[in-house]
Amino acid sequence: MQIQKILVPVGVVVLLVVAYREYSWAGVAMALSLVVTWILLHFTRMLQVMKRATNRPIGSVASAVMLNAKLKPGVTLLHVVAMTKSLGLLQSPKDSQPEFYRWTDGTQSHVTCEFKDGKLVQWTLERPVQPDTDSPVSGA
C-alpha cells in the first residue's frame, strides 16, 4: 500500500486539529482554505496536461529516443503524459497491474513503459532495424 494514501489524510487531520487548537474556528477555516487550494491546484494541473494531450494522437511522441533519455523510475503516469503531450497506447489488459503504455515516434521507434500503481517502474526503447547502406552490393 502506498504511504501517501495514509499520510495525506492524516496530515490534513493533524493540520485541522493544530489550527483549531491554536486559532479556534478561524484557524480551521484558514486550514481548510489551504487544503482546498492545494486540491484545486493539483486538479488544474491535471486538466492542463489532459487538454494538451487532446491535440495529439494516442501513443505518439516527437522523439522516442529523447523520451527514453528523460524518463526516471518513480515518475507518475501524469508526468509522462505531460512530457509526451500525448496519452500512451495501452498495451496491457484494461484495469490490470502492472500497466504497459507505448509511445511511438515518426521513425517507428517506440518506448514501452511499465507502471505499477501509477508510478513508472521500467521502460524499454526499441528502434527499427536500419538496412546497412555501407556494405557493397554482391551478385553483380
C-alpha atoms as a PDB file:
ATOM      1  CA  MET A   1       0.000   0.000   0.000  1.00  0.00           C
ATOM      2  CA  GLN A   2       1.257   3.451  -0.849  1.00  0.00           C
ATOM      3  CA  ILE A   3       2.200   5.528   2.145  1.00  0.00           C
ATOM      4  CA  GLN A   4       0.751   8.674   0.516  1.00  0.00           C
ATOM      5  CA  LYS A   5      -2.737   7.217   0.791  1.00  0.00           C
ATOM      6  CA  ILE A   6      -2.293   7.241   4.556  1.00  0.00           C
ATOM      7  CA  LEU A   7      -0.046  10.245   5.173  1.00  0.00           C
ATOM      8  CA  VAL A   8      -2.015  12.846   3.202  1.00  0.00           C
ATOM      9  CA  PRO A   9      -5.343  12.348   5.038  1.00  0.00           C
ATOM     10  CA  VAL A  10      -3.547  12.059   8.386  1.00  0.00           C
ATOM     11  CA  GLY A  11      -1.627  15.259   7.601  1.00  0.00           C
ATOM     12  CA  VAL A  12      -4.845  17.093   6.764  1.00  0.00           C
ATOM     13  CA  VAL A  13      -6.465  15.968  10.018  1.00  0.00           C
ATOM     14  CA  VAL A  14      -3.375  16.984  12.025  1.00  0.00           C
ATOM     15  CA  LEU A  15      -3.373  20.369  10.278  1.00  0.00           C
ATOM     16  CA  LEU A  16      -7.037  20.902  11.157  1.00  0.00           C
ATOM     17  CA  VAL A  17      -6.534  19.879  14.799  1.00  0.00           C
ATOM     18  CA  VAL A  18      -3.498  22.143  15.228  1.00  0.00           C
ATOM     19  CA  ALA A  19      -5.325  25.014  13.525  1.00  0.00           C
ATOM     20  CA  TYR A  20      -8.289  24.586  15.865  1.00  0.00           C
ATOM     21  CA  ARG A  21      -6.115  24.400  18.989  1.00  0.00           C
ATOM     22  CA  GLU A  22      -4.100  27.493  18.040  1.00  0.00           C
ATOM     23  CA  TYR A  23      -6.668  29.755  16.368  1.00  0.00           C
ATOM     24  CA  SER A  24     -10.090  28.208  17.052  1.00  0.00           C
ATOM     25  CA  TRP A  25     -12.576  28.165  14.170  1.00  0.00           C
ATOM     26  CA  ALA A  26     -10.768  30.893  12.259  1.00  0.00           C
ATOM     27  CA  GLY A  27      -7.740  28.606  12.101  1.00  0.00           C
ATOM     28  CA  VAL A  28      -9.873  25.719  10.854  1.00  0.00           C
ATOM     29  CA  ALA A  29     -11.309  27.963   8.120  1.00  0.00           C
ATOM     30  CA  MET A  30      -7.804  29.011   7.083  1.00  0.00           C
ATOM     31  CA  ALA A  31      -6.514  25.420   7.094  1.00  0.00           C
ATOM     32  CA  LEU A  32      -9.485  24.229   5.046  1.00  0.00           C
ATOM     33  CA  SER A  33      -8.928  27.001   2.529  1.00  0.00           C
ATOM     34  CA  LEU A  34      -5.279  25.927   2.192  1.00  0.00           C
ATOM     35  CA  VAL A  35      -6.296  22.289   1.633  1.00  0.00           C
ATOM     36  CA  VAL A  36      -8.939  23.236  -0.951  1.00  0.00           C
ATOM     37  CA  THR A  37      -6.428  25.477  -2.752  1.00  0.00           C
ATOM     38  CA  TRP A  38      -3.898  22.623  -2.878  1.00  0.00           C
ATOM     39  CA  ILE A  39      -6.547  20.264  -4.299  1.00  0.00           C
ATOM     40  CA  LEU A  40      -7.617  22.830  -6.903  1.00  0.00           C
ATOM     41  CA  LEU A  41      -4.012  23.437  -7.984  1.00  0.00           C
ATOM     42  CA  HIS A  42      -3.484  19.709  -8.473  1.00  0.00           C
ATOM     43  CA  PHE A  43      -6.774  19.384 -10.375  1.00  0.00           C
ATOM     44  CA  THR A  44      -5.935  22.367 -12.597  1.00  0.00           C
ATOM     45  CA  ARG A  45      -2.540  20.891 -13.459  1.00  0.00           C
ATOM     46  CA  MET A  46      -4.139  17.569 -14.329  1.00  0.00           C
ATOM     47  CA  LEU A  47      -6.692  19.282 -16.585  1.00  0.00           C
ATOM     48  CA  GLN A  48      -3.962  21.275 -18.358  1.00  0.00           C
ATOM     49  CA  VAL A  49      -1.991  18.100 -19.072  1.00  0.00           C
ATOM     50  CA  MET A  50      -5.089  16.369 -20.432  1.00  0.00           C
ATOM     51  CA  LYS A  51      -6.034  19.421 -22.509  1.00  0.00           C
ATOM     52  CA  ARG A  52      -2.603  19.415 -24.177  1.00  0.00           C
ATOM     53  CA  ALA A  53      -2.830  15.671 -24.775  1.00  0.00           C
ATOM     54  CA  THR A  54      -6.117  16.003 -26.675  1.00  0.00           C
ATOM     55  CA  ASN A  55      -4.343  17.706 -29.584  1.00  0.00           C
ATOM     56  CA  ARG A  56      -2.098  14.716 -30.377  1.00  0.00           C
ATOM     57  CA  PRO A  57      -2.826  11.175 -31.498  1.00  0.00           C
ATOM     58  CA  ILE A  58      -2.795   8.499 -28.809  1.00  0.00           C
ATOM     59  CA  GLY A  59       0.631   6.938 -28.391  1.00  0.00           C
ATOM     60  CA  SER A  60       2.618   9.487 -30.399  1.00  0.00           C
ATOM     61  CA  VAL A  61       5.738  11.316 -29.306  1.00  0.00           C
ATOM     62  CA  ALA A  62       8.114  13.676 -31.118  1.00  0.00           C
ATOM     63  CA  SER A  63      11.208  11.572 -30.367  1.00  0.00           C
ATOM     64  CA  ALA A  64      11.218   8.204 -28.632  1.00  0.00           C
ATOM     65  CA  VAL A  65      14.974   8.483 -28.038  1.00  0.00           C
ATOM     66  CA  MET A  66      14.570  11.800 -26.204  1.00  0.00           C
ATOM     67  CA  LEU A  67      11.683  10.399 -24.168  1.00  0.00           C
ATOM     68  CA  ASN A  68      13.853   7.425 -23.218  1.00  0.00           C
ATOM     69  CA  ALA A  69      16.588   9.808 -22.023  1.00  0.00           C
ATOM     70  CA  LYS A  70      14.176  11.880 -19.898  1.00  0.00           C
ATOM     71  CA  LEU A  71      12.413   9.023 -18.095  1.00  0.00           C
ATOM     72  CA  LYS A  72      13.237   8.233 -14.461  1.00  0.00           C
ATOM     73  CA  PRO A  73      11.911   5.476 -12.209  1.00  0.00           C
ATOM     74  CA  GLY A  74       9.117   6.565  -9.884  1.00  0.00           C
ATOM     75  CA  VAL A  75       7.612   9.348 -12.011  1.00  0.00           C
ATOM     76  CA  THR A  76       3.844   9.266 -12.355  1.00  0.00           C
ATOM     77  CA  LEU A  77       1.847   8.482 -15.465  1.00  0.00           C
ATOM     78  CA  LEU A  78       0.575  12.069 -15.410  1.00  0.00           C
ATOM     79  CA  HIS A  79       4.172  13.323 -15.528  1.00  0.00           C
ATOM     80  CA  VAL A  80       4.987  11.101 -18.528  1.00  0.00           C
ATOM     81  CA  VAL A  81       1.824  12.266 -20.316  1.00  0.00           C
ATOM     82  CA  ALA A  82       2.906  15.865 -19.615  1.00  0.00           C
ATOM     83  CA  MET A  83       6.356  15.153 -21.128  1.00  0.00           C
ATOM     84  CA  THR A  84       4.968  13.493 -24.261  1.00  0.00           C
ATOM     85  CA  LYS A  85       1.882  15.715 -24.607  1.00  0.00           C
ATOM     86  CA  SER A  86       0.063  12.538 -25.637  1.00  0.00           C
ATOM     87  CA  LEU A  87      -1.775   9.727 -23.921  1.00  0.00           C
ATOM     88  CA  GLY A  88       0.046   6.430 -24.159  1.00  0.00           C
ATOM     89  CA  LEU A  89      -1.331   3.499 -26.135  1.00  0.00           C
ATOM     90  CA  LEU A  90      -2.398   0.894 -23.571  1.00  0.00           C
ATOM     91  CA  GLN A  91      -0.667  -2.452 -24.216  1.00  0.00           C
ATOM     92  CA  SER A  92      -1.898  -4.433 -21.207  1.00  0.00           C
ATOM     93  CA  PRO A  93      -5.423  -5.589 -20.387  1.00  0.00           C
ATOM     94  CA  LYS A  94      -7.597  -2.803 -19.004  1.00  0.00           C
ATOM     95  CA  ASP A  95      -7.649  -2.400 -15.189  1.00  0.00           C
ATOM     96  CA  SER A  96      -4.766  -4.815 -14.588  1.00  0.00           C
ATOM     97  CA  GLN A  97      -1.464  -4.267 -12.800  1.00  0.00           C
ATOM     98  CA  PRO A  98       1.161  -3.556 -13.996  1.00  0.00           C
ATOM     99  CA  GLU A  99       0.050  -1.306 -16.832  1.00  0.00           C
ATOM    100  CA  PHE A 100       2.052  -1.049 -20.052  1.00  0.00           C
ATOM    101  CA  TYR A 101       1.837   2.036 -22.280  1.00  0.00           C
ATOM    102  CA  ARG A 102       3.648   2.691 -25.566  1.00  0.00           C
ATOM    103  CA  TRP A 103       4.661   5.919 -27.282  1.00  0.00           C
ATOM    104  CA  THR A 104       5.888   5.790 -30.912  1.00  0.00           C
ATOM    105  CA  ASP A 105       7.628   8.470 -32.975  1.00  0.00           C
ATOM    106  CA  GLY A 106       7.746   9.088 -36.743  1.00  0.00           C
ATOM    107  CA  THR A 107      10.656   6.672 -37.308  1.00  0.00           C
ATOM    108  CA  GLN A 108       8.661   3.809 -35.712  1.00  0.00           C
ATOM    109  CA  SER A 109      10.968   3.793 -32.680  1.00  0.00           C
ATOM    110  CA  HIS A 110       8.900   3.266 -29.561  1.00  0.00           C
ATOM    111  CA  VAL A 111       9.189   3.399 -25.800  1.00  0.00           C
ATOM    112  CA  THR A 112       7.163   0.913 -23.768  1.00  0.00           C
ATOM    113  CA  CYS A 113       6.689   1.937 -20.135  1.00  0.00           C
ATOM    114  CA  GLU A 114       5.616  -0.258 -17.230  1.00  0.00           C
ATOM    115  CA  PHE A 115       3.601   1.467 -14.499  1.00  0.00           C
ATOM    116  CA  LYS A 116       2.794  -0.134 -11.149  1.00  0.00           C
ATOM    117  CA  ASP A 117       0.189   1.769  -9.118  1.00  0.00           C
ATOM    118  CA  GLY A 118       0.628   4.783 -11.395  1.00  0.00           C
ATOM    119  CA  LYS A 119       4.410   5.005 -10.941  1.00  0.00           C
ATOM    120  CA  LEU A 120       6.993   4.216 -13.624  1.00  0.00           C
ATOM    121  CA  VAL A 121       8.864   1.011 -12.829  1.00  0.00           C
ATOM    122  CA  GLN A 122      10.813   0.342 -16.020  1.00  0.00           C
ATOM    123  CA  TRP A 123      10.838   1.166 -19.714  1.00  0.00           C
ATOM    124  CA  THR A 124      12.382  -0.097 -22.929  1.00  0.00           C
ATOM    125  CA  LEU A 125      13.326   1.690 -26.139  1.00  0.00           C
ATOM    126  CA  GLU A 126      13.019  -0.280 -29.353  1.00  0.00           C
ATOM    127  CA  ARG A 127      14.270   1.051 -32.661  1.00  0.00           C
ATOM    128  CA  PRO A 128      13.560  -0.456 -36.079  1.00  0.00           C
ATOM    129  CA  VAL A 129      16.404  -2.273 -37.798  1.00  0.00           C
ATOM    130  CA  GLN A 130      18.048   0.017 -40.338  1.00  0.00           C
ATOM    131  CA  PRO A 131      19.392  -1.545 -43.548  1.00  0.00           C
ATOM    132  CA  ASP A 132      23.166  -1.315 -43.828  1.00  0.00           C
ATOM    133  CA  THR A 133      23.857   1.004 -46.789  1.00  0.00           C
ATOM    134  CA  ASP A 134      27.658   0.960 -46.372  1.00  0.00           C
ATOM    135  CA  SER A 135      28.114  -2.689 -47.398  1.00  0.00           C
ATOM    136  CA  PRO A 136      28.947  -3.440 -51.047  1.00  0.00           C
ATOM    137  CA  VAL A 137      26.221  -4.957 -53.226  1.00  0.00           C
ATOM    138  CA  SER A 138      27.016  -8.573 -54.066  1.00  0.00           C
ATOM    139  CA  GLY A 139      25.936 -10.624 -57.049  1.00  0.00           C
ATOM    140  CA  ALA A 140      26.560  -8.074 -59.826  1.00  0.00           C
END
